[in-house]
Amino acid sequence: MEIDRKIVERAATLSRIEMVPDNVETMVRFFQDIIGHFRILEKCDTTGVDPFSTLEDEPCPLRGDGPVRWDIGDEALDSAPLREGRFFRVPAIGSEEGPDEA
């Protein structure tokens, strides 16, 4: 895959990033360098390498998986700008109103 201005500008549009025109060429080179590193990695022989292997022998510590009582709900609601019963009140997605106007 070849990275060019069109791809960088499209990625910026899709991610809603405002790209300064002078920076587009810099980003093109940056992404080309990243793709170049992956092309080098593609050449590595990974035969027999477990795809989930790590360099550490220790297992990853895991927390217990069970229900946890959360007793600060009222405290969180009390600090909210606006609430309705036991719920936070927020503006509708895409609305222009602030939290006090929800």
Protein backbone atom coordinates (compact mmCIF):
# COMPACT_ATOMS: atom_id res chain seq x y z
CA MET A 1 0.00 0.00 0.00
CA GLU A 2 1.37 3.37 -1.00
CA ILE A 3 0.51 6.32 1.21
CA ASP A 4 -0.19 9.61 -0.57
CA ARG A 5 -1.84 12.98 0.14
CA LYS A 6 -5.27 11.64 -0.75
CA ILE A 7 -5.07 8.83 1.83
CA VAL A 8 -3.80 11.16 4.58
CA GLU A 9 -6.50 13.74 3.85
CA ARG A 10 -9.19 11.02 3.82
CA ALA A 11 -7.94 9.60 7.15
CA ALA A 12 -7.99 13.11 8.64
CA THR A 13 -11.56 13.64 7.42
CA LEU A 14 -12.78 10.28 8.76
CA SER A 15 -11.15 10.88 12.14
CA ARG A 16 -12.38 14.48 12.21
CA ILE A 17 -8.86 15.88 12.53
CA GLU A 18 -8.33 19.34 11.12
CA MET A 19 -5.15 18.99 9.08
CA VAL A 20 -3.06 22.06 8.25
CA PRO A 21 -2.16 21.75 4.53
CA ASP A 22 1.55 22.25 5.30
CA ASN A 23 1.49 19.20 7.59
CA VAL A 24 -0.03 16.79 5.07
CA GLU A 25 3.32 16.03 3.38
CA THR A 26 4.94 15.49 6.79
CA MET A 27 2.21 13.01 7.68
CA VAL A 28 2.59 11.26 4.30
CA ARG A 29 6.29 10.66 5.06
CA PHE A 30 5.47 9.63 8.64
CA PHE A 31 2.93 7.01 7.52
CA GLN A 32 5.26 5.79 4.75
CA ASP A 33 7.94 5.23 7.42
CA ILE A 34 5.49 3.24 9.55
CA ILE A 35 4.49 1.07 6.57
CA GLY A 36 8.21 0.60 5.85
CA HIS A 37 8.79 -0.75 9.36
CA PHE A 38 5.94 -3.23 8.91
CA ARG A 39 7.45 -4.36 5.59
CA ILE A 40 10.69 -5.13 7.46
CA LEU A 41 8.76 -7.08 10.11
CA GLU A 42 6.97 -9.08 7.39
CA LYS A 43 10.35 -10.53 6.37
CA CYS A 44 10.97 -12.00 9.84
CA ASP A 45 10.65 -15.78 10.06
CA THR A 46 8.09 -16.46 12.78
CA THR A 47 7.77 -20.18 12.14
CA GLY A 48 7.11 -21.94 15.44
CA VAL A 49 6.59 -18.72 17.38
CA ASP A 50 3.43 -18.73 19.47
CA PRO A 51 1.42 -15.66 18.42
CA PHE A 52 0.56 -15.02 22.07
CA SER A 53 4.04 -15.48 23.52
CA THR A 54 5.69 -12.89 25.75
CA LEU A 55 9.22 -12.28 26.92
CA GLU A 56 8.16 -12.72 30.54
CA ASP A 57 7.70 -16.06 32.27
CA GLU A 58 5.31 -14.63 34.84
CA PRO A 59 1.60 -14.89 34.08
CA CYS A 60 -0.36 -11.69 33.75
CA PRO A 61 -2.00 -10.82 37.08
CA LEU A 62 -5.77 -10.86 36.83
CA ARG A 63 -8.33 -9.35 39.16
CA GLY A 64 -11.15 -11.43 40.50
CA ASP A 65 -14.16 -11.56 38.23
CA GLY A 66 -17.23 -10.95 40.32
CA PRO A 67 -19.80 -8.34 41.25
CA VAL A 68 -18.53 -5.34 43.17
CA ARG A 69 -20.76 -3.07 45.22
CA TRP A 70 -20.43 0.56 44.17
CA ASP A 71 -21.65 2.79 46.98
CA ILE A 72 -20.73 6.22 45.64
CA GLY A 73 -23.61 6.55 43.17
CA ASP A 74 -25.43 9.19 45.23
CA GLU A 75 -22.21 11.14 45.70
CA ALA A 76 -21.60 11.13 41.94
CA LEU A 77 -25.18 12.17 41.21
CA ASP A 78 -25.01 14.97 43.79
CA SER A 79 -22.03 16.49 41.96
CA ALA A 80 -23.74 16.29 38.53
CA PRO A 81 -24.85 19.59 36.97
CA LEU A 82 -28.29 18.12 36.29
CA ARG A 83 -29.99 14.92 37.33
CA GLU A 84 -33.35 13.29 37.01
CA GLY A 85 -34.11 10.84 39.80
CA ARG A 86 -31.27 8.31 39.92
CA PHE A 87 -29.98 9.27 36.45
CA PHE A 88 -27.61 11.88 35.02
CA ARG A 89 -29.38 14.28 32.68
CA VAL A 90 -27.33 15.22 29.62
CA PRO A 91 -28.05 16.95 26.30
CA ALA A 92 -29.06 14.79 23.35
CA ILE A 93 -26.20 13.70 21.12
CA GLY A 94 -25.58 16.33 18.47
CA SER A 95 -27.56 19.06 20.24
CA GLU A 96 -26.12 22.51 20.76
CA GLU A 97 -27.48 22.97 24.28
CA GLY A 98 -25.34 22.83 27.39
CA PRO A 99 -25.84 20.43 30.32
CA ASP A 100 -27.95 22.98 32.23
CA GLU A 101 -30.39 23.19 29.32
CA ALA A 102 -30.88 19.42 28.82
